[in-house]
Amino acid sequence: MPVSKVFVYAEYQVSIPFSEIDWVPINHDMKKFSGLKSKTWLSAINTNQVGGFYEFDSVENAQNYIENLLIPFAKQINGNLTVKLFDGDVTEKASIGMNSPFYSADSL
């Protein structure tokens, strides 16, 4: 069965702080991708690691985003990229049980 809730964790290791990267055009470009439901920006404490936590509606849409936005951006900023995909369907009931903001009891 296809996965209908995919979480993506992406992290860039870069040589410049988060505050010095122009994120405005990135936010604009990311909204053009099908299936992106949400994103939370991440900036590590005391390191130059930045990234995000994303929710997508399918593995295919998540992979398209990785290939067409995350990887090219890594090259643009000369950063190292780490990406992990997680199945949100398999953990749905457990997440509802802890009142996760990404789930609701109505989704059962």
PDB file of N, CA and C in Angstrom:
ATOM      1  N   MET A   1       0.845  -1.180   0.000  1.00  0.00           N
ATOM      2  CA  MET A   1       0.000   0.000   0.000  1.00  0.00           C
ATOM      3  C   MET A   1       0.891   1.244   0.000  1.00  0.00           C
ATOM      4  N   PRO A   2       0.533   2.260  -0.800  1.00  0.00           N
ATOM      5  CA  PRO A   2       1.351   3.492  -0.822  1.00  0.00           C
ATOM      6  C   PRO A   2       1.291   4.237   0.510  1.00  0.00           C
ATOM      7  N   VAL A   3       2.363   4.898   0.830  1.00  0.00           N
ATOM      8  CA  VAL A   3       2.448   5.698   2.045  1.00  0.00           C
ATOM      9  C   VAL A   3       1.801   7.053   1.765  1.00  0.00           C
ATOM     10  N   SER A   4       0.875   7.486   2.641  1.00  0.00           N
ATOM     11  CA  SER A   4       0.171   8.758   2.414  1.00  0.00           C
ATOM     12  C   SER A   4       0.668   9.892   3.301  1.00  0.00           C
ATOM     13  N   LYS A   5       1.555   9.578   4.238  1.00  0.00           N
ATOM     14  CA  LYS A   5       2.134  10.601   5.107  1.00  0.00           C
ATOM     15  C   LYS A   5       3.619  10.276   5.222  1.00  0.00           C
ATOM     16  N   VAL A   6       4.436  11.140   4.617  1.00  0.00           N
ATOM     17  CA  VAL A   6       5.884  10.926   4.601  1.00  0.00           C
ATOM     18  C   VAL A   6       6.541  12.112   5.286  1.00  0.00           C
ATOM     19  N   PHE A   7       7.401  11.817   6.243  1.00  0.00           N
ATOM     20  CA  PHE A   7       8.178  12.862   6.893  1.00  0.00           C
ATOM     21  C   PHE A   7       9.604  12.786   6.361  1.00  0.00           C
ATOM     22  N   VAL A   8      10.161  13.945   6.069  1.00  0.00           N
ATOM     23  CA  VAL A   8      11.526  14.043   5.570  1.00  0.00           C
ATOM     24  C   VAL A   8      12.331  14.868   6.561  1.00  0.00           C
ATOM     25  N   TYR A   9      13.479  14.344   6.926  1.00  0.00           N
ATOM     26  CA  TYR A   9      14.435  15.093   7.735  1.00  0.00           C
ATOM     27  C   TYR A   9      15.608  15.405   6.821  1.00  0.00           C
ATOM     28  N   ALA A  10      15.935  16.671   6.682  1.00  0.00           N
ATOM     29  CA  ALA A  10      17.061  17.084   5.837  1.00  0.00           C
ATOM     30  C   ALA A  10      17.972  17.993   6.641  1.00  0.00           C
ATOM     31  N   GLU A  11      19.266  17.785   6.464  1.00  0.00           N
ATOM     32  CA  GLU A  11      20.254  18.583   7.195  1.00  0.00           C
ATOM     33  C   GLU A  11      21.414  18.915   6.265  1.00  0.00           C
ATOM     34  N   TYR A  12      21.783  20.196   6.257  1.00  0.00           N
ATOM     35  CA  TYR A  12      22.956  20.656   5.524  1.00  0.00           C
ATOM     36  C   TYR A  12      24.050  20.998   6.519  1.00  0.00           C
ATOM     37  N   GLN A  13      25.244  20.561   6.228  1.00  0.00           N
ATOM     38  CA  GLN A  13      26.399  21.033   6.978  1.00  0.00           C
ATOM     39  C   GLN A  13      27.054  22.076   6.074  1.00  0.00           C
ATOM     40  N   VAL A  14      27.094  23.320   6.554  1.00  0.00           N
ATOM     41  CA  VAL A  14      27.582  24.435   5.747  1.00  0.00           C
ATOM     42  C   VAL A  14      28.604  25.239   6.537  1.00  0.00           C
ATOM     43  N   SER A  15      29.272  26.155   5.854  1.00  0.00           N
ATOM     44  CA  SER A  15      30.299  26.954   6.518  1.00  0.00           C
ATOM     45  C   SER A  15      29.811  28.354   6.884  1.00  0.00           C
ATOM     46  N   ILE A  16      28.515  28.621   6.691  1.00  0.00           N
ATOM     47  CA  ILE A  16      27.975  29.934   7.053  1.00  0.00           C
ATOM     48  C   ILE A  16      26.771  29.752   7.980  1.00  0.00           C
ATOM     49  N   PRO A  17      26.536  30.694   8.882  1.00  0.00           N
ATOM     50  CA  PRO A  17      25.399  30.578   9.803  1.00  0.00           C
ATOM     51  C   PRO A  17      24.054  30.744   9.082  1.00  0.00           C
ATOM     52  N   PHE A  18      23.034  30.200   9.676  1.00  0.00           N
ATOM     53  CA  PHE A  18      21.663  30.282   9.165  1.00  0.00           C
ATOM     54  C   PHE A  18      21.274  31.725   8.861  1.00  0.00           C
ATOM     55  N   SER A  19      21.640  32.625   9.743  1.00  0.00           N
ATOM     56  CA  SER A  19      21.232  34.031   9.613  1.00  0.00           C
ATOM     57  C   SER A  19      21.830  34.723   8.389  1.00  0.00           C
ATOM     58  N   GLU A  20      22.841  34.147   7.765  1.00  0.00           N
ATOM     59  CA  GLU A  20      23.477  34.760   6.598  1.00  0.00           C
ATOM     60  C   GLU A  20      23.018  34.167   5.268  1.00  0.00           C
ATOM     61  N   ILE A  21      22.074  33.241   5.294  1.00  0.00           N
ATOM     62  CA  ILE A  21      21.548  32.640   4.066  1.00  0.00           C
ATOM     63  C   ILE A  21      20.214  33.304   3.737  1.00  0.00           C
ATOM     64  N   ASP A  22      20.012  33.661   2.470  1.00  0.00           N
ATOM     65  CA  ASP A  22      18.771  34.297   2.035  1.00  0.00           C
ATOM     66  C   ASP A  22      17.701  33.224   1.842  1.00  0.00           C
ATOM     67  N   TRP A  23      16.873  33.026   2.871  1.00  0.00           N
ATOM     68  CA  TRP A  23      15.862  31.965   2.849  1.00  0.00           C
ATOM     69  C   TRP A  23      14.577  32.389   2.150  1.00  0.00           C
ATOM     70  N   VAL A  24      14.381  33.674   1.900  1.00  0.00           N
ATOM     71  CA  VAL A  24      13.130  34.150   1.302  1.00  0.00           C
ATOM     72  C   VAL A  24      12.854  33.470  -0.045  1.00  0.00           C
ATOM     73  N   PRO A  25      13.798  33.455  -0.993  1.00  0.00           N
ATOM     74  CA  PRO A  25      13.494  32.786  -2.262  1.00  0.00           C
ATOM     75  C   PRO A  25      13.327  31.271  -2.119  1.00  0.00           C
ATOM     76  N   ILE A  26      13.980  30.684  -1.142  1.00  0.00           N
ATOM     77  CA  ILE A  26      13.828  29.235  -0.912  1.00  0.00           C
ATOM     78  C   ILE A  26      12.412  28.936  -0.433  1.00  0.00           C
ATOM     79  N   ASN A  27      11.913  29.734   0.504  1.00  0.00           N
ATOM     80  CA  ASN A  27      10.534  29.556   0.974  1.00  0.00           C
ATOM     81  C   ASN A  27       9.559  29.676  -0.195  1.00  0.00           C
ATOM     82  N   HIS A  28       9.793  30.629  -1.061  1.00  0.00           N
ATOM     83  CA  HIS A  28       8.934  30.832  -2.233  1.00  0.00           C
ATOM     84  C   HIS A  28       8.994  29.611  -3.158  1.00  0.00           C
ATOM     85  N   ASP A  29      10.196  29.140  -3.465  1.00  0.00           N
ATOM     86  CA  ASP A  29      10.369  28.007  -4.380  1.00  0.00           C
ATOM     87  C   ASP A  29       9.794  26.717  -3.813  1.00  0.00           C
ATOM     88  N   MET A  30       9.920  26.516  -2.523  1.00  0.00           N
ATOM     89  CA  MET A  30       9.447  25.253  -1.952  1.00  0.00           C
ATOM     90  C   MET A  30       7.935  25.115  -2.055  1.00  0.00           C
ATOM     91  N   LYS A  31       7.212  26.222  -2.073  1.00  0.00           N
ATOM     92  CA  LYS A  31       5.750  26.176  -2.172  1.00  0.00           C
ATOM     93  C   LYS A  31       5.273  25.720  -3.546  1.00  0.00           C
ATOM     94  N   LYS A  32       6.162  25.649  -4.513  1.00  0.00           N
ATOM     95  CA  LYS A  32       5.813  25.222  -5.863  1.00  0.00           C
ATOM     96  C   LYS A  32       5.752  23.695  -5.994  1.00  0.00           C
ATOM     97  N   PHE A  33       6.196  22.957  -4.983  1.00  0.00           N
ATOM     98  CA  PHE A  33       6.282  21.503  -5.076  1.00  0.00           C
ATOM     99  C   PHE A  33       4.987  20.837  -4.615  1.00  0.00           C
ATOM    100  N   SER A  34       4.508  19.926  -5.433  1.00  0.00           N
ATOM    101  CA  SER A  34       3.296  19.173  -5.111  1.00  0.00           C
ATOM    102  C   SER A  34       3.510  18.311  -3.882  1.00  0.00           C
ATOM    103  N   GLY A  35       2.481  18.239  -3.064  1.00  0.00           N
ATOM    104  CA  GLY A  35       2.475  17.313  -1.944  1.00  0.00           C
ATOM    105  C   GLY A  35       3.132  17.795  -0.670  1.00  0.00           C
ATOM    106  N   LEU A  36       3.765  18.961  -0.681  1.00  0.00           N
ATOM    107  CA  LEU A  36       4.387  19.485   0.536  1.00  0.00           C
ATOM    108  C   LEU A  36       3.292  20.049   1.435  1.00  0.00           C
ATOM    109  N   LYS A  37       3.134  19.444   2.617  1.00  0.00           N
ATOM    110  CA  LYS A  37       2.096  19.880   3.550  1.00  0.00           C
ATOM    111  C   LYS A  37       2.622  20.859   4.586  1.00  0.00           C
ATOM    112  N   SER A  38       3.861  20.657   5.040  1.00  0.00           N
ATOM    113  CA  SER A  38       4.415  21.561   6.042  1.00  0.00           C
ATOM    114  C   SER A  38       5.928  21.431   6.090  1.00  0.00           C
ATOM    115  N   LYS A  39       6.551  22.466   6.648  1.00  0.00           N
ATOM    116  CA  LYS A  39       7.991  22.448   6.880  1.00  0.00           C
ATOM    117  C   LYS A  39       8.282  23.228   8.151  1.00  0.00           C
ATOM    118  N   THR A  40       9.203  22.700   8.929  1.00  0.00           N
ATOM    119  CA  THR A  40       9.732  23.398  10.092  1.00  0.00           C
ATOM    120  C   THR A  40      11.226  23.558   9.869  1.00  0.00           C
ATOM    121  N   TRP A  41      11.710  24.791   9.863  1.00  0.00           N
ATOM    122  CA  TRP A  41      13.152  25.049   9.707  1.00  0.00           C
ATOM    123  C   TRP A  41      13.891  24.612  10.967  1.00  0.00           C
ATOM    124  N   LEU A  42      15.109  24.129  10.782  1.00  0.00           N
ATOM    125  CA  LEU A  42      15.967  23.735  11.893  1.00  0.00           C
ATOM    126  C   LEU A  42      17.324  24.428  11.757  1.00  0.00           C
ATOM    127  N   SER A  43      17.884  24.874  12.873  1.00  0.00           N
ATOM    128  CA  SER A  43      19.229  25.430  12.918  1.00  0.00           C
ATOM    129  C   SER A  43      19.886  24.905  14.190  1.00  0.00           C
ATOM    130  N   ALA A  44      20.954  24.142  14.028  1.00  0.00           N
ATOM    131  CA  ALA A  44      21.603  23.506  15.173  1.00  0.00           C
ATOM    132  C   ALA A  44      22.252  24.543  16.088  1.00  0.00           C
ATOM    133  N   ILE A  45      22.317  24.199  17.341  1.00  0.00           N
ATOM    134  CA  ILE A  45      22.925  25.082  18.343  1.00  0.00           C
ATOM    135  C   ILE A  45      24.441  24.935  18.280  1.00  0.00           C
ATOM    136  N   ASN A  46      25.126  26.065  18.121  1.00  0.00           N
ATOM    137  CA  ASN A  46      26.590  26.144  18.118  1.00  0.00           C
ATOM    138  C   ASN A  46      27.282  25.420  16.964  1.00  0.00           C
ATOM    139  N   THR A  47      26.544  25.142  15.896  1.00  0.00           N
ATOM    140  CA  THR A  47      27.167  24.557  14.700  1.00  0.00           C
ATOM    141  C   THR A  47      26.553  25.216  13.471  1.00  0.00           C
ATOM    142  N   ASN A  48      27.151  24.998  12.340  1.00  0.00           N
ATOM    143  CA  ASN A  48      26.586  25.515  11.093  1.00  0.00           C
ATOM    144  C   ASN A  48      25.806  24.413  10.377  1.00  0.00           C
ATOM    145  N   GLN A  49      24.910  23.777  11.088  1.00  0.00           N
ATOM    146  CA  GLN A  49      24.046  22.779  10.486  1.00  0.00           C
ATOM    147  C   GLN A  49      22.642  23.358  10.445  1.00  0.00           C
ATOM    148  N   VAL A  50      22.049  23.336   9.268  1.00  0.00           N
ATOM    149  CA  VAL A  50      20.695  23.839   9.070  1.00  0.00           C
ATOM    150  C   VAL A  50      19.906  22.790   8.302  1.00  0.00           C
ATOM    151  N   GLY A  51      18.606  22.881   8.394  1.00  0.00           N
ATOM    152  CA  GLY A  51      17.793  21.919   7.660  1.00  0.00           C
ATOM    153  C   GLY A  51      16.336  22.102   7.964  1.00  0.00           C
ATOM    154  N   GLY A  52      15.625  20.989   7.906  1.00  0.00           N
ATOM    155  CA  GLY A  52      14.201  21.078   8.142  1.00  0.00           C
ATOM    156  C   GLY A  52      13.564  19.731   8.352  1.00  0.00           C
ATOM    157  N   PHE A  53      12.341  19.814   8.838  1.00  0.00           N
ATOM    158  CA  PHE A  53      11.487  18.662   9.016  1.00  0.00           C
ATOM    159  C   PHE A  53      10.255  18.932   8.169  1.00  0.00           C
ATOM    160  N   TYR A  54       9.957  18.047   7.220  1.00  0.00           N
ATOM    161  CA  TYR A  54       8.910  18.255   6.230  1.00  0.00           C
ATOM    162  C   TYR A  54       7.859  17.161   6.328  1.00  0.00           C
ATOM    163  N   GLU A  55       6.651  17.478   5.885  1.00  0.00           N
ATOM    164  CA  GLU A  55       5.621  16.466   5.701  1.00  0.00           C
ATOM    165  C   GLU A  55       5.170  16.512   4.245  1.00  0.00           C
ATOM    166  N   PHE A  56       5.114  15.341   3.616  1.00  0.00           N
ATOM    167  CA  PHE A  56       4.643  15.187   2.237  1.00  0.00           C
ATOM    168  C   PHE A  56       3.514  14.168   2.195  1.00  0.00           C
ATOM    169  N   ASP A  57       2.754  14.204   1.102  1.00  0.00           N
ATOM    170  CA  ASP A  57       1.635  13.284   0.934  1.00  0.00           C
ATOM    171  C   ASP A  57       2.010  11.977   0.232  1.00  0.00           C
ATOM    172  N   SER A  58       3.257  11.854  -0.227  1.00  0.00           N
ATOM    173  CA  SER A  58       3.684  10.610  -0.884  1.00  0.00           C
ATOM    174  C   SER A  58       5.209  10.550  -0.932  1.00  0.00           C
ATOM    175  N   VAL A  59       5.711   9.351  -1.064  1.00  0.00           N
ATOM    176  CA  VAL A  59       7.151   9.156  -1.228  1.00  0.00           C
ATOM    177  C   VAL A  59       7.621   9.799  -2.534  1.00  0.00           C
ATOM    178  N   GLU A  60       6.815   9.681  -3.584  1.00  0.00           N
ATOM    179  CA  GLU A  60       7.180  10.248  -4.883  1.00  0.00           C
ATOM    180  C   GLU A  60       7.344  11.762  -4.811  1.00  0.00           C
ATOM    181  N   ASN A  61       6.407  12.448  -4.151  1.00  0.00           N
ATOM    182  CA  ASN A  61       6.512  13.907  -4.032  1.00  0.00           C
ATOM    183  C   ASN A  61       7.684  14.311  -3.148  1.00  0.00           C
ATOM    184  N   ALA A  62       7.951  13.547  -2.104  1.00  0.00           N
ATOM    185  CA  ALA A  62       9.106  13.826  -1.249  1.00  0.00           C
ATOM    186  C   ALA A  62      10.398  13.656  -2.038  1.00  0.00           C
ATOM    187  N   GLN A  63      10.488  12.587  -2.812  1.00  0.00           N
ATOM    188  CA  GLN A  63      11.693  12.333  -3.606  1.00  0.00           C
ATOM    189  C   GLN A  63      11.901  13.410  -4.664  1.00  0.00           C
ATOM    190  N   ASN A  64      10.827  13.868  -5.283  1.00  0.00           N
ATOM    191  CA  ASN A  64      10.918  14.948  -6.266  1.00  0.00           C
ATOM    192  C   ASN A  64      11.477  16.218  -5.628  1.00  0.00           C
ATOM    193  N   TYR A  65      11.030  16.530  -4.426  1.00  0.00           N
ATOM    194  CA  TYR A  65      11.513  17.703  -3.696  1.00  0.00           C
ATOM    195  C   TYR A  65      13.005  17.567  -3.383  1.00  0.00           C
ATOM    196  N   ILE A  66      13.395  16.388  -2.929  1.00  0.00           N
ATOM    197  CA  ILE A  66      14.803  16.140  -2.602  1.00  0.00           C
ATOM    198  C   ILE A  66      15.679  16.338  -3.834  1.00  0.00           C
ATOM    199  N   GLU A  67      15.270  15.740  -4.950  1.00  0.00           N
ATOM    200  CA  GLU A  67      16.077  15.783  -6.173  1.00  0.00           C
ATOM    201  C   GLU A  67      16.107  17.152  -6.835  1.00  0.00           C
ATOM    202  N   ASN A  68      15.013  17.905  -6.717  1.00  0.00           N
ATOM    203  CA  ASN A  68      14.905  19.154  -7.466  1.00  0.00           C
ATOM    204  C   ASN A  68      15.033  20.433  -6.646  1.00  0.00           C
ATOM    205  N   LEU A  69      15.087  20.322  -5.330  1.00  0.00           N
ATOM    206  CA  LEU A  69      15.333  21.506  -4.509  1.00  0.00           C
ATOM    207  C   LEU A  69      16.478  21.284  -3.531  1.00  0.00           C
ATOM    208  N   LEU A  70      16.418  20.218  -2.742  1.00  0.00           N
ATOM    209  CA  LEU A  70      17.439  20.028  -1.707  1.00  0.00           C
ATOM    210  C   LEU A  70      18.831  19.771  -2.293  1.00  0.00           C
ATOM    211  N   ILE A  71      18.936  18.859  -3.229  1.00  0.00           N
ATOM    212  CA  ILE A  71      20.253  18.537  -3.803  1.00  0.00           C
ATOM    213  C   ILE A  71      20.852  19.726  -4.555  1.00  0.00           C
ATOM    214  N   PRO A  72      20.080  20.402  -5.428  1.00  0.00           N
ATOM    215  CA  PRO A  72      20.664  21.585  -6.084  1.00  0.00           C
ATOM    216  C   PRO A  72      21.080  22.677  -5.096  1.00  0.00           C
ATOM    217  N   PHE A  73      20.293  22.868  -4.025  1.00  0.00           N
ATOM    218  CA  PHE A  73      20.653  23.885  -3.044  1.00  0.00           C
ATOM    219  C   PHE A  73      21.938  23.507  -2.319  1.00  0.00           C
ATOM    220  N   ALA A  74      22.129  22.234  -2.025  1.00  0.00           N
ATOM    221  CA  ALA A  74      23.378  21.789  -1.390  1.00  0.00           C
ATOM    222  C   ALA A  74      24.573  22.167  -2.250  1.00  0.00           C
ATOM    223  N   LYS A  75      24.442  21.984  -3.549  1.00  0.00           N
ATOM    224  CA  LYS A  75      25.532  22.345  -4.471  1.00  0.00           C
ATOM    225  C   LYS A  75      25.743  23.856  -4.489  1.00  0.00           C
ATOM    226  N   GLN A  76      24.644  24.607  -4.470  1.00  0.00           N
ATOM    227  CA  GLN A  76      24.711  26.069  -4.521  1.00  0.00           C
ATOM    228  C   GLN A  76      25.454  26.646  -3.322  1.00  0.00           C
ATOM    229  N   ILE A  77      25.236  26.068  -2.138  1.00  0.00           N
ATOM    230  CA  ILE A  77      25.871  26.607  -0.928  1.00  0.00           C
ATOM    231  C   ILE A  77      27.122  25.816  -0.533  1.00  0.00           C
ATOM    232  N   ASN A  78      27.529  24.902  -1.404  1.00  0.00           N
ATOM    233  CA  ASN A  78      28.709  24.071  -1.146  1.00  0.00           C
ATOM    234  C   ASN A  78      28.598  23.361   0.206  1.00  0.00           C
ATOM    235  N   GLY A  79      27.429  22.758   0.435  1.00  0.00           N
ATOM    236  CA  GLY A  79      27.177  22.069   1.695  1.00  0.00           C
ATOM    237  C   GLY A  79      27.049  20.577   1.504  1.00  0.00           C
ATOM    238  N   ASN A  80      27.156  19.859   2.594  1.00  0.00           N
ATOM    239  CA  ASN A  80      26.925  18.416   2.605  1.00  0.00           C
ATOM    240  C   ASN A  80      25.502  18.178   3.079  1.00  0.00           C
ATOM    241  N   LEU A  81      24.766  17.353   2.351  1.00  0.00           N
ATOM    242  CA  LEU A  81      23.355  17.117   2.625  1.00  0.00           C
ATOM    243  C   LEU A  81      23.123  15.705   3.145  1.00  0.00           C
ATOM    244  N   THR A  82      22.333  15.599   4.206  1.00  0.00           N
ATOM    245  CA  THR A  82      21.863  14.316   4.721  1.00  0.00           C
ATOM    246  C   THR A  82      20.339  14.352   4.690  1.00  0.00           C
ATOM    247  N   VAL A  83      19.718  13.299   4.147  1.00  0.00           N
ATOM    248  CA  VAL A  83      18.262  13.236   4.052  1.00  0.00           C
ATOM    249  C   VAL A  83      17.790  11.866   4.522  1.00  0.00           C
ATOM    250  N   LYS A  84      16.700  11.864   5.290  1.00  0.00           N
ATOM    251  CA  LYS A  84      16.078  10.614   5.722  1.00  0.00           C
ATOM    252  C   LYS A  84      14.576  10.733   5.514  1.00  0.00           C
ATOM    253  N   LEU A  85      13.950   9.661   5.038  1.00  0.00           N
ATOM    254  CA  LEU A  85      12.504   9.610   4.860  1.00  0.00           C
ATOM    255  C   LEU A  85      11.907   8.668   5.902  1.00  0.00           C
ATOM    256  N   PHE A  86      10.739   9.070   6.454  1.00  0.00           N
ATOM    257  CA  PHE A  86      10.066   8.289   7.476  1.00  0.00           C
ATOM    258  C   PHE A  86       8.612   8.050   7.088  1.00  0.00           C
ATOM    259  N   ASP A  87       8.127   6.853   7.356  1.00  0.00           N
ATOM    260  CA  ASP A  87       6.755   6.454   7.070  1.00  0.00           C
ATOM    261  C   ASP A  87       5.848   6.977   8.181  1.00  0.00           C
ATOM    262  N   GLY A  88       5.003   7.942   7.861  1.00  0.00           N
ATOM    263  CA  GLY A  88       4.096   8.515   8.852  1.00  0.00           C
ATOM    264  C   GLY A  88       2.840   7.703   9.065  1.00  0.00           C
ATOM    265  N   ASP A  89       2.503   6.818   8.126  1.00  0.00           N
ATOM    266  CA  ASP A  89       1.304   5.996   8.282  1.00  0.00           C
ATOM    267  C   ASP A  89       1.487   4.935   9.359  1.00  0.00           C
ATOM    268  N   VAL A  90       2.653   4.308   9.384  1.00  0.00           N
ATOM    269  CA  VAL A  90       2.874   3.196  10.303  1.00  0.00           C
ATOM    270  C   VAL A  90       2.881   3.657  11.767  1.00  0.00           C
ATOM    271  N   THR A  91       3.166   4.915  12.009  1.00  0.00           N
ATOM    272  CA  THR A  91       3.233   5.438  13.386  1.00  0.00           C
ATOM    273  C   THR A  91       2.019   6.291  13.762  1.00  0.00           C
ATOM    274  N   GLU A  92       1.004   6.296  12.903  1.00  0.00           N
ATOM    275  CA  GLU A  92      -0.140   7.186  13.110  1.00  0.00           C
ATOM    276  C   GLU A  92      -0.835   6.988  14.463  1.00  0.00           C
ATOM    277  N   LYS A  93      -1.208   5.771  14.798  1.00  0.00           N
ATOM    278  CA  LYS A  93      -1.942   5.544  16.049  1.00  0.00           C
ATOM    279  C   LYS A  93      -1.112   5.943  17.268  1.00  0.00           C
ATOM    280  N   ALA A  94       0.156   5.604  17.267  1.00  0.00           N
ATOM    281  CA  ALA A  94       1.018   5.973  18.398  1.00  0.00           C
ATOM    282  C   ALA A  94       1.146   7.486  18.500  1.00  0.00           C
ATOM    283  N   SER A  95       1.225   8.181  17.353  1.00  0.00           N
ATOM    284  CA  SER A  95       1.346   9.635  17.353  1.00  0.00           C
ATOM    285  C   SER A  95       0.063  10.306  17.843  1.00  0.00           C
ATOM    286  N   ILE A  96      -1.077   9.767  17.452  1.00  0.00           N
ATOM    287  CA  ILE A  96      -2.356  10.299  17.940  1.00  0.00           C
ATOM    288  C   ILE A  96      -2.437  10.137  19.450  1.00  0.00           C
ATOM    289  N   GLY A  97      -1.945   9.011  19.954  1.00  0.00           N
ATOM    290  CA  GLY A  97      -1.968   8.742  21.384  1.00  0.00           C
ATOM    291  C   GLY A  97      -1.174   9.724  22.211  1.00  0.00           C
ATOM    292  N   MET A  98      -0.211  10.412  21.593  1.00  0.00           N
ATOM    293  CA  MET A  98       0.573  11.413  22.329  1.00  0.00           C
ATOM    294  C   MET A  98       0.219  12.838  21.903  1.00  0.00           C
ATOM    295  N   ASN A  99      -0.895  12.983  21.156  1.00  0.00           N
ATOM    296  CA  ASN A  99      -1.410  14.292  20.719  1.00  0.00           C
ATOM    297  C   ASN A  99      -0.438  15.049  19.817  1.00  0.00           C
ATOM    298  N   SER A 100       0.212  14.347  18.913  1.00  0.00           N
ATOM    299  CA  SER A 100       1.116  14.993  17.961  1.00  0.00           C
ATOM    300  C   SER A 100       0.359  16.024  17.125  1.00  0.00           C
ATOM    301  N   PRO A 101       0.952  17.181  16.868  1.00  0.00           N
ATOM    302  CA  PRO A 101       0.263  18.188  16.050  1.00  0.00           C
ATOM    303  C   PRO A 101       0.105  17.777  14.584  1.00  0.00           C
ATOM    304  N   PHE A 102       0.813  16.735  14.144  1.00  0.00           N
ATOM    305  CA  PHE A 102       0.718  16.294  12.760  1.00  0.00           C
ATOM    306  C   PHE A 102      -0.372  15.252  12.555  1.00  0.00           C
ATOM    307  N   TYR A 103      -1.096  14.897  13.601  1.00  0.00           N
ATOM    308  CA  TYR A 103      -2.142  13.889  13.545  1.00  0.00           C
ATOM    309  C   TYR A 103      -3.350  14.364  14.355  1.00  0.00           C
ATOM    310  N   SER A 104      -4.493  13.769  14.068  1.00  0.00           N
ATOM    311  CA  SER A 104      -5.671  14.019  14.887  1.00  0.00           C
ATOM    312  C   SER A 104      -6.452  12.725  15.021  1.00  0.00           C
ATOM    313  N   ALA A 105      -7.264  12.621  16.061  1.00  0.00           N
ATOM    314  CA  ALA A 105      -8.077  11.435  16.250  1.00  0.00           C
ATOM    315  C   ALA A 105      -9.055  11.268  15.091  1.00  0.00           C
ATOM    316  N   ASP A 106      -9.397  12.360  14.402  1.00  0.00           N
ATOM    317  CA  ASP A 106     -10.292  12.303  13.249  1.00  0.00           C
ATOM    318  C   ASP A 106      -9.675  11.578  12.060  1.00  0.00           C
ATOM    319  N   SER A 107      -8.347  11.454  12.050  1.00  0.00           N
ATOM    320  CA  SER A 107      -7.687  10.835  10.903  1.00  0.00           C
ATOM    321  C   SER A 107      -7.745   9.318  10.944  1.00  0.00           C
ATOM    322  N   LEU A 108      -8.191   8.726  12.043  1.00  0.00           N
ATOM    323  CA  LEU A 108      -8.305   7.265  12.137  1.00  0.00           C
ATOM    324  C   LEU A 108      -9.432   6.721  11.315  1.00  0.00           C
TER     325      LEU A 108
END
